[in-house]
Amino acid sequence: MEYREEILDIFSSLIEAGIQLAPPVYPEDAQLTPDERLVAEIRELGMGTYFDVRMLEDGTIIGIGRLLFTTAIYMDMDRCGFGARYCFEDQALALTEYAKLKSGDDQPTGWVATRQPRRFA
């Protein structure tokens, strides 16, 4: 499968999983709320590596993106990185788990590897 076809397939899967994809927005857009601006900045800092970045009801920012061999769910994202990353070999499972997340206390299941980098205050 070519890269373009793979990306289209990923976006179709996100939509089928019930995830509403936000249109690309830019941090300098004056119409954005502060929360929307933060999410847009984080998406932009990812330089195209995230399929989706969104804020949950409790204010936790999460994202999903493709790594070299896996699909990753990022939790507790901010301008400096993420609090946890869960890697999935099965992209469909990653999309399903991503769609289930409702708060920062939720944790996806079925992952094959996780990273919980240290953050410095």
PDB file of N, CA and C in Angstrom:
ATOM      1  N   MET A   1       0.840  -1.177   0.000  1.00  0.00           N
ATOM      2  CA  MET A   1       0.000   0.000   0.000  1.00  0.00           C
ATOM      3  C   MET A   1       0.887   1.244   0.000  1.00  0.00           C
ATOM      4  N   GLU A   2       0.570   2.174  -0.882  1.00  0.00           N
ATOM      5  CA  GLU A   2       1.332   3.416  -0.932  1.00  0.00           C
ATOM      6  C   GLU A   2       1.005   4.277   0.284  1.00  0.00           C
ATOM      7  N   TYR A   3       1.941   5.177   0.610  1.00  0.00           N
ATOM      8  CA  TYR A   3       1.790   6.030   1.788  1.00  0.00           C
ATOM      9  C   TYR A   3       0.485   6.822   1.744  1.00  0.00           C
ATOM     10  N   ARG A   4       0.163   7.422   0.593  1.00  0.00           N
ATOM     11  CA  ARG A   4      -1.059   8.218   0.468  1.00  0.00           C
ATOM     12  C   ARG A   4      -2.286   7.365   0.726  1.00  0.00           C
ATOM     13  N   GLU A   5      -2.325   6.162   0.183  1.00  0.00           N
ATOM     14  CA  GLU A   5      -3.457   5.270   0.396  1.00  0.00           C
ATOM     15  C   GLU A   5      -3.554   4.878   1.868  1.00  0.00           C
ATOM     16  N   GLU A   6      -2.410   4.663   2.513  1.00  0.00           N
ATOM     17  CA  GLU A   6      -2.397   4.306   3.927  1.00  0.00           C
ATOM     18  C   GLU A   6      -2.981   5.440   4.773  1.00  0.00           C
ATOM     19  N   ILE A   7      -2.604   6.677   4.481  1.00  0.00           N
ATOM     20  CA  ILE A   7      -3.123   7.830   5.226  1.00  0.00           C
ATOM     21  C   ILE A   7      -4.634   7.944   5.026  1.00  0.00           C
ATOM     22  N   LEU A   8      -5.113   7.791   3.798  1.00  0.00           N
ATOM     23  CA  LEU A   8      -6.548   7.852   3.538  1.00  0.00           C
ATOM     24  C   LEU A   8      -7.279   6.745   4.279  1.00  0.00           C
ATOM     25  N   ASP A   9      -6.681   5.562   4.337  1.00  0.00           N
ATOM     26  CA  ASP A   9      -7.262   4.441   5.059  1.00  0.00           C
ATOM     27  C   ASP A   9      -7.343   4.747   6.558  1.00  0.00           C
ATOM     28  N   ILE A  10      -6.302   5.368   7.094  1.00  0.00           N
ATOM     29  CA  ILE A  10      -6.282   5.732   8.514  1.00  0.00           C
ATOM     30  C   ILE A  10      -7.391   6.729   8.813  1.00  0.00           C
ATOM     31  N   PHE A  11      -7.518   7.766   7.990  1.00  0.00           N
ATOM     32  CA  PHE A  11      -8.558   8.763   8.217  1.00  0.00           C
ATOM     33  C   PHE A  11      -9.947   8.148   8.101  1.00  0.00           C
ATOM     34  N   SER A  12     -10.138   7.237   7.167  1.00  0.00           N
ATOM     35  CA  SER A  12     -11.425   6.555   7.046  1.00  0.00           C
ATOM     36  C   SER A  12     -11.727   5.749   8.307  1.00  0.00           C
ATOM     37  N   SER A  13     -10.718   5.087   8.841  1.00  0.00           N
ATOM     38  CA  SER A  13     -10.890   4.308  10.067  1.00  0.00           C
ATOM     39  C   SER A  13     -11.226   5.202  11.249  1.00  0.00           C
ATOM     40  N   LEU A  14     -10.598   6.366  11.346  1.00  0.00           N
ATOM     41  CA  LEU A  14     -10.906   7.309  12.429  1.00  0.00           C
ATOM     42  C   LEU A  14     -12.362   7.745  12.348  1.00  0.00           C
ATOM     43  N   ILE A  15     -12.818   8.054  11.154  1.00  0.00           N
ATOM     44  CA  ILE A  15     -14.199   8.495  10.970  1.00  0.00           C
ATOM     45  C   ILE A  15     -15.159   7.361  11.305  1.00  0.00           C
ATOM     46  N   GLU A  16     -14.854   6.136  10.860  1.00  0.00           N
ATOM     47  CA  GLU A  16     -15.699   4.985  11.163  1.00  0.00           C
ATOM     48  C   GLU A  16     -15.751   4.717  12.661  1.00  0.00           C
ATOM     49  N   ALA A  17     -14.673   5.028  13.384  1.00  0.00           N
ATOM     50  CA  ALA A  17     -14.635   4.827  14.835  1.00  0.00           C
ATOM     51  C   ALA A  17     -15.408   5.913  15.569  1.00  0.00           C
ATOM     52  N   GLY A  18     -15.961   6.874  14.837  1.00  0.00           N
ATOM     53  CA  GLY A  18     -16.765   7.911  15.460  1.00  0.00           C
ATOM     54  C   GLY A  18     -15.979   9.118  15.917  1.00  0.00           C
ATOM     55  N   ILE A  19     -14.729   9.218  15.516  1.00  0.00           N
ATOM     56  CA  ILE A  19     -13.909  10.355  15.895  1.00  0.00           C
ATOM     57  C   ILE A  19     -14.117  11.450  14.872  1.00  0.00           C
ATOM     58  N   GLN A  20     -14.572  12.596  15.352  1.00  0.00           N
ATOM     59  CA  GLN A  20     -14.774  13.720  14.454  1.00  0.00           C
ATOM     60  C   GLN A  20     -13.464  14.465  14.298  1.00  0.00           C
ATOM     61  N   LEU A  21     -12.944  14.455  13.106  1.00  0.00           N
ATOM     62  CA  LEU A  21     -11.681  15.119  12.844  1.00  0.00           C
ATOM     63  C   LEU A  21     -11.919  16.616  12.675  1.00  0.00           C
ATOM     64  N   ALA A  22     -11.123  17.373  13.374  1.00  0.00           N
ATOM     65  CA  ALA A  22     -11.220  18.831  13.258  1.00  0.00           C
ATOM     66  C   ALA A  22     -10.472  19.261  12.008  1.00  0.00           C
ATOM     67  N   PRO A  23     -10.992  20.265  11.320  1.00  0.00           N
ATOM     68  CA  PRO A  23     -10.236  20.774  10.175  1.00  0.00           C
ATOM     69  C   PRO A  23      -8.942  21.407  10.659  1.00  0.00           C
ATOM     70  N   PRO A  24      -7.929  21.438   9.830  1.00  0.00           N
ATOM     71  CA  PRO A  24      -6.674  22.055  10.270  1.00  0.00           C
ATOM     72  C   PRO A  24      -6.917  23.506  10.675  1.00  0.00           C
ATOM     73  N   VAL A  25      -6.381  23.871  11.819  1.00  0.00           N
ATOM     74  CA  VAL A  25      -6.461  25.243  12.289  1.00  0.00           C
ATOM     75  C   VAL A  25      -5.057  25.683  12.660  1.00  0.00           C
ATOM     76  N   TYR A  26      -4.857  26.942  12.694  1.00  0.00           N
ATOM     77  CA  TYR A  26      -3.536  27.468  12.958  1.00  0.00           C
ATOM     78  C   TYR A  26      -3.569  28.337  14.209  1.00  0.00           C
ATOM     79  N   PRO A  27      -2.528  28.269  15.018  1.00  0.00           N
ATOM     80  CA  PRO A  27      -2.517  28.977  16.299  1.00  0.00           C
ATOM     81  C   PRO A  27      -2.799  30.468  16.202  1.00  0.00           C
ATOM     82  N   GLU A  28      -2.436  31.075  15.098  1.00  0.00           N
ATOM     83  CA  GLU A  28      -2.634  32.519  14.990  1.00  0.00           C
ATOM     84  C   GLU A  28      -4.074  32.899  14.622  1.00  0.00           C
ATOM     85  N   ASP A  29      -4.924  31.901  14.406  1.00  0.00           N
ATOM     86  CA  ASP A  29      -6.318  32.164  14.052  1.00  0.00           C
ATOM     87  C   ASP A  29      -7.024  32.836  15.235  1.00  0.00           C
ATOM     88  N   ALA A  30      -7.491  34.060  15.031  1.00  0.00           N
ATOM     89  CA  ALA A  30      -8.097  34.848  16.104  1.00  0.00           C
ATOM     90  C   ALA A  30      -9.433  34.276  16.567  1.00  0.00           C
ATOM     91  N   GLN A  31     -10.033  33.390  15.806  1.00  0.00           N
ATOM     92  CA  GLN A  31     -11.337  32.830  16.159  1.00  0.00           C
ATOM     93  C   GLN A  31     -11.251  31.681  17.158  1.00  0.00           C
ATOM     94  N   LEU A  32     -10.060  31.231  17.500  1.00  0.00           N
ATOM     95  CA  LEU A  32      -9.898  30.072  18.377  1.00  0.00           C
ATOM     96  C   LEU A  32     -10.005  30.468  19.846  1.00  0.00           C
ATOM     97  N   THR A  33     -10.607  29.568  20.626  1.00  0.00           N
ATOM     98  CA  THR A  33     -10.584  29.730  22.077  1.00  0.00           C
ATOM     99  C   THR A  33      -9.175  29.387  22.544  1.00  0.00           C
ATOM    100  N   PRO A  34      -8.818  29.731  23.779  1.00  0.00           N
ATOM    101  CA  PRO A  34      -7.481  29.353  24.273  1.00  0.00           C
ATOM    102  C   PRO A  34      -7.235  27.845  24.217  1.00  0.00           C
ATOM    103  N   ASP A  35      -8.248  27.026  24.542  1.00  0.00           N
ATOM    104  CA  ASP A  35      -8.083  25.568  24.480  1.00  0.00           C
ATOM    105  C   ASP A  35      -7.872  25.093  23.049  1.00  0.00           C
ATOM    106  N   GLU A  36      -8.649  25.636  22.118  1.00  0.00           N
ATOM    107  CA  GLU A  36      -8.495  25.263  20.709  1.00  0.00           C
ATOM    108  C   GLU A  36      -7.127  25.692  20.189  1.00  0.00           C
ATOM    109  N   ARG A  37      -6.665  26.842  20.630  1.00  0.00           N
ATOM    110  CA  ARG A  37      -5.358  27.342  20.212  1.00  0.00           C
ATOM    111  C   ARG A  37      -4.249  26.404  20.699  1.00  0.00           C
ATOM    112  N   LEU A  38      -4.360  25.941  21.956  1.00  0.00           N
ATOM    113  CA  LEU A  38      -3.364  25.018  22.506  1.00  0.00           C
ATOM    114  C   LEU A  38      -3.334  23.711  21.723  1.00  0.00           C
ATOM    115  N   VAL A  39      -4.508  23.147  21.442  1.00  0.00           N
ATOM    116  CA  VAL A  39      -4.580  21.906  20.659  1.00  0.00           C
ATOM    117  C   VAL A  39      -3.975  22.128  19.274  1.00  0.00           C
ATOM    118  N   ALA A  40      -4.274  23.245  18.645  1.00  0.00           N
ATOM    119  CA  ALA A  40      -3.721  23.554  17.317  1.00  0.00           C
ATOM    120  C   ALA A  40      -2.200  23.694  17.376  1.00  0.00           C
ATOM    121  N   GLU A  41      -1.690  24.320  18.423  1.00  0.00           N
ATOM    122  CA  GLU A  41      -0.236  24.468  18.566  1.00  0.00           C
ATOM    123  C   GLU A  41       0.435  23.107  18.710  1.00  0.00           C
ATOM    124  N   ILE A  42      -0.163  22.238  19.524  1.00  0.00           N
ATOM    125  CA  ILE A  42       0.415  20.904  19.719  1.00  0.00           C
ATOM    126  C   ILE A  42       0.387  20.133  18.408  1.00  0.00           C
ATOM    127  N   ARG A  43      -0.731  20.210  17.691  1.00  0.00           N
ATOM    128  CA  ARG A  43      -0.826  19.526  16.389  1.00  0.00           C
ATOM    129  C   ARG A  43       0.254  20.047  15.441  1.00  0.00           C
ATOM    130  N   GLU A  44       0.446  21.352  15.427  1.00  0.00           N
ATOM    131  CA  GLU A  44       1.451  21.954  14.554  1.00  0.00           C
ATOM    132  C   GLU A  44       2.864  21.548  14.967  1.00  0.00           C
ATOM    133  N   LEU A  45       3.126  21.483  16.270  1.00  0.00           N
ATOM    134  CA  LEU A  45       4.451  21.067  16.746  1.00  0.00           C
ATOM    135  C   LEU A  45       4.781  19.633  16.334  1.00  0.00           C
ATOM    136  N   GLY A  46       3.742  18.816  16.111  1.00  0.00           N
ATOM    137  CA  GLY A  46       3.944  17.440  15.661  1.00  0.00           C
ATOM    138  C   GLY A  46       4.399  17.345  14.221  1.00  0.00           C
ATOM    139  N   MET A  47       4.371  18.453  13.499  1.00  0.00           N
ATOM    140  CA  MET A  47       4.851  18.527  12.110  1.00  0.00           C
ATOM    141  C   MET A  47       4.283  17.409  11.232  1.00  0.00           C
ATOM    142  N   GLY A  48       2.980  17.168  11.368  1.00  0.00           N
ATOM    143  CA  GLY A  48       2.324  16.189  10.512  1.00  0.00           C
ATOM    144  C   GLY A  48       2.359  14.758  11.004  1.00  0.00           C
ATOM    145  N   THR A  49       2.907  14.512  12.186  1.00  0.00           N
ATOM    146  CA  THR A  49       3.002  13.124  12.669  1.00  0.00           C
ATOM    147  C   THR A  49       1.740  12.645  13.366  1.00  0.00           C
ATOM    148  N   TYR A  50       0.848  13.563  13.758  1.00  0.00           N
ATOM    149  CA  TYR A  50      -0.388  13.171  14.444  1.00  0.00           C
ATOM    150  C   TYR A  50      -1.543  13.137  13.453  1.00  0.00           C
ATOM    151  N   PHE A  51      -2.341  12.067  13.497  1.00  0.00           N
ATOM    152  CA  PHE A  51      -3.553  11.995  12.683  1.00  0.00           C
ATOM    153  C   PHE A  51      -4.619  12.885  13.297  1.00  0.00           C
ATOM    154  N   ASP A  52      -4.630  12.921  14.638  1.00  0.00           N
ATOM    155  CA  ASP A  52      -5.636  13.688  15.346  1.00  0.00           C
ATOM    156  C   ASP A  52      -5.081  14.090  16.706  1.00  0.00           C
ATOM    157  N   VAL A  53      -5.457  15.264  17.164  1.00  0.00           N
ATOM    158  CA  VAL A  53      -5.157  15.741  18.517  1.00  0.00           C
ATOM    159  C   VAL A  53      -6.448  16.365  19.016  1.00  0.00           C
ATOM    160  N   ARG A  54      -6.842  16.009  20.244  1.00  0.00           N
ATOM    161  CA  ARG A  54      -8.080  16.574  20.773  1.00  0.00           C
ATOM    162  C   ARG A  54      -8.003  16.722  22.288  1.00  0.00           C
ATOM    163  N   MET A  55      -8.888  17.559  22.811  1.00  0.00           N
ATOM    164  CA  MET A  55      -8.960  17.762  24.248  1.00  0.00           C
ATOM    165  C   MET A  55     -10.178  17.012  24.770  1.00  0.00           C
ATOM    166  N   LEU A  56      -9.959  16.215  25.810  1.00  0.00           N
ATOM    167  CA  LEU A  56     -11.053  15.491  26.438  1.00  0.00           C
ATOM    168  C   LEU A  56     -11.823  16.422  27.372  1.00  0.00           C
ATOM    169  N   GLU A  57     -12.970  15.960  27.846  1.00  0.00           N
ATOM    170  CA  GLU A  57     -13.823  16.783  28.698  1.00  0.00           C
ATOM    171  C   GLU A  57     -13.118  17.261  29.956  1.00  0.00           C
ATOM    172  N   ASP A  58     -12.166  16.484  30.477  1.00  0.00           N
ATOM    173  CA  ASP A  58     -11.468  16.887  31.710  1.00  0.00           C
ATOM    174  C   ASP A  58     -10.257  17.783  31.434  1.00  0.00           C
ATOM    175  N   GLY A  59     -10.051  18.151  30.167  1.00  0.00           N
ATOM    176  CA  GLY A  59      -8.948  19.037  29.810  1.00  0.00           C
ATOM    177  C   GLY A  59      -7.678  18.328  29.382  1.00  0.00           C
ATOM    178  N   THR A  60      -7.644  16.998  29.481  1.00  0.00           N
ATOM    179  CA  THR A  60      -6.486  16.225  29.039  1.00  0.00           C
ATOM    180  C   THR A  60      -6.415  16.249  27.518  1.00  0.00           C
ATOM    181  N   ILE A  61      -5.231  16.476  26.996  1.00  0.00           N
ATOM    182  CA  ILE A  61      -5.038  16.484  25.542  1.00  0.00           C
ATOM    183  C   ILE A  61      -4.434  15.152  25.127  1.00  0.00           C
ATOM    184  N   ILE A  62      -5.063  14.524  24.127  1.00  0.00           N
ATOM    185  CA  ILE A  62      -4.594  13.241  23.613  1.00  0.00           C
ATOM    186  C   ILE A  62      -4.400  13.349  22.106  1.00  0.00           C
ATOM    187  N   GLY A  63      -3.635  12.419  21.564  1.00  0.00           N
ATOM    188  CA  GLY A  63      -3.418  12.386  20.126  1.00  0.00           C
ATOM    189  C   GLY A  63      -3.143  10.974  19.661  1.00  0.00           C
ATOM    190  N   ILE A  64      -3.191  10.792  18.368  1.00  0.00           N
ATOM    191  CA  ILE A  64      -2.877   9.491  17.773  1.00  0.00           C
ATOM    192  C   ILE A  64      -2.035   9.750  16.531  1.00  0.00           C
ATOM    193  N   GLY A  65      -1.034   8.895  16.319  1.00  0.00           N
ATOM    194  CA  GLY A  65      -0.156   9.059  15.171  1.00  0.00           C
ATOM    195  C   GLY A  65       0.561   7.776  14.822  1.00  0.00           C
ATOM    196  N   ARG A  66       1.177   7.788  13.679  1.00  0.00           N
ATOM    197  CA  ARG A  66       1.888   6.618  13.172  1.00  0.00           C
ATOM    198  C   ARG A  66       3.369   6.743  13.490  1.00  0.00           C
ATOM    199  N   LEU A  67       3.929   5.676  14.051  1.00  0.00           N
ATOM    200  CA  LEU A  67       5.375   5.575  14.236  1.00  0.00           C
ATOM    201  C   LEU A  67       5.900   4.647  13.140  1.00  0.00           C
ATOM    202  N   LEU A  68       7.154   4.298  13.190  1.00  0.00           N
ATOM    203  CA  LEU A  68       7.744   3.483  12.126  1.00  0.00           C
ATOM    204  C   LEU A  68       7.038   2.129  11.966  1.00  0.00           C
ATOM    205  N   PHE A  69       6.816   1.420  13.083  1.00  0.00           N
ATOM    206  CA  PHE A  69       6.222   0.080  13.008  1.00  0.00           C
ATOM    207  C   PHE A  69       4.903  -0.041  13.755  1.00  0.00           C
ATOM    208  N   THR A  70       4.480   0.990  14.454  1.00  0.00           N
ATOM    209  CA  THR A  70       3.270   0.927  15.269  1.00  0.00           C
ATOM    210  C   THR A  70       2.456   2.201  15.123  1.00  0.00           C
ATOM    211  N   THR A  71       1.259   2.151  15.680  1.00  0.00           N
ATOM    212  CA  THR A  71       0.404   3.331  15.811  1.00  0.00           C
ATOM    213  C   THR A  71       0.380   3.677  17.288  1.00  0.00           C
ATOM    214  N   ALA A  72       0.557   4.956  17.607  1.00  0.00           N
ATOM    215  CA  ALA A  72       0.692   5.372  19.003  1.00  0.00           C
ATOM    216  C   ALA A  72      -0.445   6.279  19.444  1.00  0.00           C
ATOM    217  N   ILE A  73      -0.896   6.046  20.679  1.00  0.00           N
ATOM    218  CA  ILE A  73      -1.810   6.955  21.356  1.00  0.00           C
ATOM    219  C   ILE A  73      -0.976   7.734  22.362  1.00  0.00           C
ATOM    220  N   TYR A  74      -1.066   9.054  22.298  1.00  0.00           N
ATOM    221  CA  TYR A  74      -0.332   9.932  23.207  1.00  0.00           C
ATOM    222  C   TYR A  74      -1.311  10.495  24.225  1.00  0.00           C
ATOM    223  N   MET A  75      -0.952  10.446  25.489  1.00  0.00           N
ATOM    224  CA  MET A  75      -1.801  10.956  26.566  1.00  0.00           C
ATOM    225  C   MET A  75      -1.112  12.124  27.252  1.00  0.00           C
ATOM    226  N   ASP A  76      -1.916  13.022  27.786  1.00  0.00           N
ATOM    227  CA  ASP A  76      -1.409  14.145  28.581  1.00  0.00           C
ATOM    228  C   ASP A  76      -0.401  14.966  27.778  1.00  0.00           C
ATOM    229  N   MET A  77      -0.799  15.345  26.575  1.00  0.00           N
ATOM    230  CA  MET A  77       0.076  16.107  25.688  1.00  0.00           C
ATOM    231  C   MET A  77       0.127  17.575  26.105  1.00  0.00           C
ATOM    232  N   ASP A  78       1.264  18.195  25.856  1.00  0.00           N
ATOM    233  CA  ASP A  78       1.410  19.640  26.015  1.00  0.00           C
ATOM    234  C   ASP A  78       2.449  20.112  25.010  1.00  0.00           C
ATOM    235  N   ARG A  79       2.843  21.358  25.095  1.00  0.00           N
ATOM    236  CA  ARG A  79       3.798  21.907  24.122  1.00  0.00           C
ATOM    237  C   ARG A  79       5.177  21.247  24.211  1.00  0.00           C
ATOM    238  N   CYS A  80       5.451  20.595  25.328  1.00  0.00           N
ATOM    239  CA  CYS A  80       6.781  19.995  25.540  1.00  0.00           C
ATOM    240  C   CYS A  80       6.824  18.495  25.279  1.00  0.00           C
ATOM    241  N   GLY A  81       5.709  17.875  24.967  1.00  0.00           N
ATOM    242  CA  GLY A  81       5.723  16.433  24.722  1.00  0.00           C
ATOM    243  C   GLY A  81       4.456  15.765  25.215  1.00  0.00           C
ATOM    244  N   PHE A  82       4.631  14.623  25.863  1.00  0.00           N
ATOM    245  CA  PHE A  82       3.490  13.840  26.308  1.00  0.00           C
ATOM    246  C   PHE A  82       3.828  13.164  27.631  1.00  0.00           C
ATOM    247  N   GLY A  83       2.786  12.797  28.365  1.00  0.00           N
ATOM    248  CA  GLY A  83       2.966  12.111  29.638  1.00  0.00           C
ATOM    249  C   GLY A  83       3.084  10.611  29.481  1.00  0.00           C
ATOM    250  N   ALA A  84       2.443  10.053  28.453  1.00  0.00           N
ATOM    251  CA  ALA A  84       2.504   8.610  28.206  1.00  0.00           C
ATOM    252  C   ALA A  84       2.226   8.351  26.729  1.00  0.00           C
ATOM    253  N   ARG A  85       2.839   7.283  26.232  1.00  0.00           N
ATOM    254  CA  ARG A  85       2.600   6.863  24.845  1.00  0.00           C
ATOM    255  C   ARG A  85       2.350   5.368  24.864  1.00  0.00           C
ATOM    256  N   TYR A  86       1.292   4.947  24.188  1.00  0.00           N
ATOM    257  CA  TYR A  86       0.927   3.535  24.097  1.00  0.00           C
ATOM    258  C   TYR A  86       1.003   3.124  22.634  1.00  0.00           C
ATOM    259  N   CYS A  87       1.811   2.120  22.328  1.00  0.00           N
ATOM    260  CA  CYS A  87       2.051   1.688  20.948  1.00  0.00           C
ATOM    261  C   CYS A  87       1.271   0.408  20.647  1.00  0.00           C
ATOM    262  N   PHE A  88       0.662   0.380  19.484  1.00  0.00           N
ATOM    263  CA  PHE A  88      -0.167  -0.742  19.046  1.00  0.00           C
ATOM    264  C   PHE A  88       0.342  -1.265  17.709  1.00  0.00           C
ATOM    265  N   GLU A  89       0.483  -2.578  17.597  1.00  0.00           N
ATOM    266  CA  GLU A  89       0.808  -3.173  16.296  1.00  0.00           C
ATOM    267  C   GLU A  89      -0.415  -3.132  15.384  1.00  0.00           C
ATOM    268  N   ASP A  90      -1.591  -3.301  15.971  1.00  0.00           N
ATOM    269  CA  ASP A  90      -2.845  -3.329  15.223  1.00  0.00           C
ATOM    270  C   ASP A  90      -3.439  -1.918  15.177  1.00  0.00           C
ATOM    271  N   GLN A  91      -3.387  -1.311  14.018  1.00  0.00           N
ATOM    272  CA  GLN A  91      -3.869   0.058  13.863  1.00  0.00           C
ATOM    273  C   GLN A  91      -5.355   0.180  14.176  1.00  0.00           C
ATOM    274  N   ALA A  92      -6.160  -0.798  13.775  1.00  0.00           N
ATOM    275  CA  ALA A  92      -7.600  -0.744  14.038  1.00  0.00           C
ATOM    276  C   ALA A  92      -7.869  -0.756  15.545  1.00  0.00           C
ATOM    277  N   LEU A  93      -7.109  -1.552  16.282  1.00  0.00           N
ATOM    278  CA  LEU A  93      -7.260  -1.581  17.737  1.00  0.00           C
ATOM    279  C   LEU A  93      -6.883  -0.227  18.344  1.00  0.00           C
ATOM    280  N   ALA A  94      -5.816   0.379  17.851  1.00  0.00           N
ATOM    281  CA  ALA A  94      -5.408   1.691  18.344  1.00  0.00           C
ATOM    282  C   ALA A  94      -6.512   2.721  18.110  1.00  0.00           C
ATOM    283  N   LEU A  95      -7.104   2.705  16.937  1.00  0.00           N
ATOM    284  CA  LEU A  95      -8.184   3.642  16.623  1.00  0.00           C
ATOM    285  C   LEU A  95      -9.393   3.415  17.524  1.00  0.00           C
ATOM    286  N   THR A  96      -9.720   2.157  17.776  1.00  0.00           N
ATOM    287  CA  THR A  96     -10.844   1.825  18.649  1.00  0.00           C
ATOM    288  C   THR A  96     -10.579   2.302  20.073  1.00  0.00           C
ATOM    289  N   GLU A  97      -9.375   2.036  20.575  1.00  0.00           N
ATOM    290  CA  GLU A  97      -9.020   2.451  21.932  1.00  0.00           C
ATOM    291  C   GLU A  97      -8.976   3.975  22.048  1.00  0.00           C
ATOM    292  N   TYR A  98      -8.486   4.643  21.029  1.00  0.00           N
ATOM    293  CA  TYR A  98      -8.439   6.106  21.009  1.00  0.00           C
ATOM    294  C   TYR A  98      -9.853   6.686  21.099  1.00  0.00           C
ATOM    295  N   ALA A  99     -10.783   6.100  20.364  1.00  0.00           N
ATOM    296  CA  ALA A  99     -12.166   6.583  20.367  1.00  0.00           C
ATOM    297  C   ALA A  99     -12.836   6.389  21.719  1.00  0.00           C
ATOM    298  N   LYS A 100     -12.397   5.398  22.499  1.00  0.00           N
ATOM    299  CA  LYS A 100     -13.000   5.106  23.806  1.00  0.00           C
ATOM    300  C   LYS A 100     -12.576   6.078  24.901  1.00  0.00           C
ATOM    301  N   LEU A 101     -11.448   6.754  24.721  1.00  0.00           N
ATOM    302  CA  LEU A 101     -10.904   7.597  25.792  1.00  0.00           C
ATOM    303  C   LEU A 101     -11.826   8.785  26.071  1.00  0.00           C
ATOM    304  N   LYS A 102     -12.212   8.914  27.337  1.00  0.00           N
ATOM    305  CA  LYS A 102     -13.106   9.996  27.759  1.00  0.00           C
ATOM    306  C   LYS A 102     -12.459  10.930  28.771  1.00  0.00           C
ATOM    307  N   SER A 103     -11.420  10.456  29.483  1.00  0.00           N
ATOM    308  CA  SER A 103     -10.735  11.296  30.467  1.00  0.00           C
ATOM    309  C   SER A 103      -9.264  10.890  30.552  1.00  0.00           C
ATOM    310  N   GLY A 104      -8.481  11.736  31.190  1.00  0.00           N
ATOM    311  CA  GLY A 104      -7.060  11.456  31.352  1.00  0.00           C
ATOM    312  C   GLY A 104      -6.784  10.272  32.264  1.00  0.00           C
ATOM    313  N   ASP A 105      -7.794   9.857  33.032  1.00  0.00           N
ATOM    314  CA  ASP A 105      -7.641   8.691  33.907  1.00  0.00           C
ATOM    315  C   ASP A 105      -7.832   7.381  33.156  1.00  0.00           C
ATOM    316  N   ASP A 106      -8.437   7.445  31.977  1.00  0.00           N
ATOM    317  CA  ASP A 106      -8.633   6.243  31.158  1.00  0.00           C
ATOM    318  C   ASP A 106      -7.289   5.787  30.607  1.00  0.00           C
ATOM    319  N   GLN A 107      -7.157   4.475  30.427  1.00  0.00           N
ATOM    320  CA  GLN A 107      -5.932   3.933  29.854  1.00  0.00           C
ATOM    321  C   GLN A 107      -6.316   2.941  28.770  1.00  0.00           C
ATOM    322  N   PRO A 108      -5.716   3.083  27.587  1.00  0.00           N
ATOM    323  CA  PRO A 108      -6.038   2.130  26.522  1.00  0.00           C
ATOM    324  C   PRO A 108      -5.535   0.731  26.881  1.00  0.00           C
ATOM    325  N   THR A 109      -6.141  -0.272  26.267  1.00  0.00           N
ATOM    326  CA  THR A 109      -5.717  -1.658  26.483  1.00  0.00           C
ATOM    327  C   THR A 109      -5.292  -2.259  25.156  1.00  0.00           C
ATOM    328  N   GLY A 110      -4.493  -3.320  25.227  1.00  0.00           N
ATOM    329  CA  GLY A 110      -4.070  -4.031  24.027  1.00  0.00           C
ATOM    330  C   GLY A 110      -2.779  -3.532  23.421  1.00  0.00           C
ATOM    331  N   TRP A 111      -2.112  -2.594  24.077  1.00  0.00           N
ATOM    332  CA  TRP A 111      -0.871  -2.046  23.546  1.00  0.00           C
ATOM    333  C   TRP A 111       0.269  -3.055  23.697  1.00  0.00           C
ATOM    334  N   VAL A 112       1.315  -2.883  22.895  1.00  0.00           N
ATOM    335  CA  VAL A 112       2.470  -3.788  22.932  1.00  0.00           C
ATOM    336  C   VAL A 112       3.683  -3.142  23.596  1.00  0.00           C
ATOM    337  N   ALA A 113       3.675  -1.819  23.698  1.00  0.00           N
ATOM    338  CA  ALA A 113       4.788  -1.103  24.348  1.00  0.00           C
ATOM    339  C   ALA A 113       4.261   0.224  24.852  1.00  0.00           C
ATOM    340  N   THR A 114       4.896   0.718  25.900  1.00  0.00           N
ATOM    341  CA  THR A 114       4.513   2.021  26.428  1.00  0.00           C
ATOM    342  C   THR A 114       5.751   2.800  26.820  1.00  0.00           C
ATOM    343  N   ARG A 115       5.648   4.108  26.742  1.00  0.00           N
ATOM    344  CA  ARG A 115       6.716   5.021  27.176  1.00  0.00           C
ATOM    345  C   ARG A 115       6.065   6.028  28.104  1.00  0.00           C
ATOM    346  N   GLN A 116       6.712   6.257  29.222  1.00  0.00           N
ATOM    347  CA  GLN A 116       6.225   7.257  30.172  1.00  0.00           C
ATOM    348  C   GLN A 116       7.415   8.136  30.530  1.00  0.00           C
ATOM    349  N   PRO A 117       7.722   9.098  29.639  1.00  0.00           N
ATOM    350  CA  PRO A 117       8.926   9.906  29.842  1.00  0.00           C
ATOM    351  C   PRO A 117       8.842  10.777  31.092  1.00  0.00           C
ATOM    352  N   ARG A 118       9.985  11.072  31.633  1.00  0.00           N
ATOM    353  CA  ARG A 118      10.040  11.966  32.772  1.00  0.00           C
ATOM    354  C   ARG A 118       9.832  13.383  32.284  1.00  0.00           C
ATOM    355  N   ARG A 119       9.138  14.139  33.089  1.00  0.00           N
ATOM    356  CA  ARG A 119       8.954  15.560  32.795  1.00  0.00           C
ATOM    357  C   ARG A 119       9.629  16.347  33.882  1.00  0.00           C
ATOM    358  N   PHE A 120      10.253  17.407  33.489  1.00  0.00           N
ATOM    359  CA  PHE A 120      10.936  18.272  34.453  1.00  0.00           C
ATOM    360  C   PHE A 120      10.132  19.544  34.633  1.00  0.00           C
ATOM    361  N   ALA A 121       9.966  19.945  35.882  1.00  0.00           N
ATOM    362  CA  ALA A 121       9.180  21.162  36.173  1.00  0.00           C
ATOM    363  C   ALA A 121      10.047  22.391  35.989  1.00  0.00           C
TER     364      ALA A 121
END
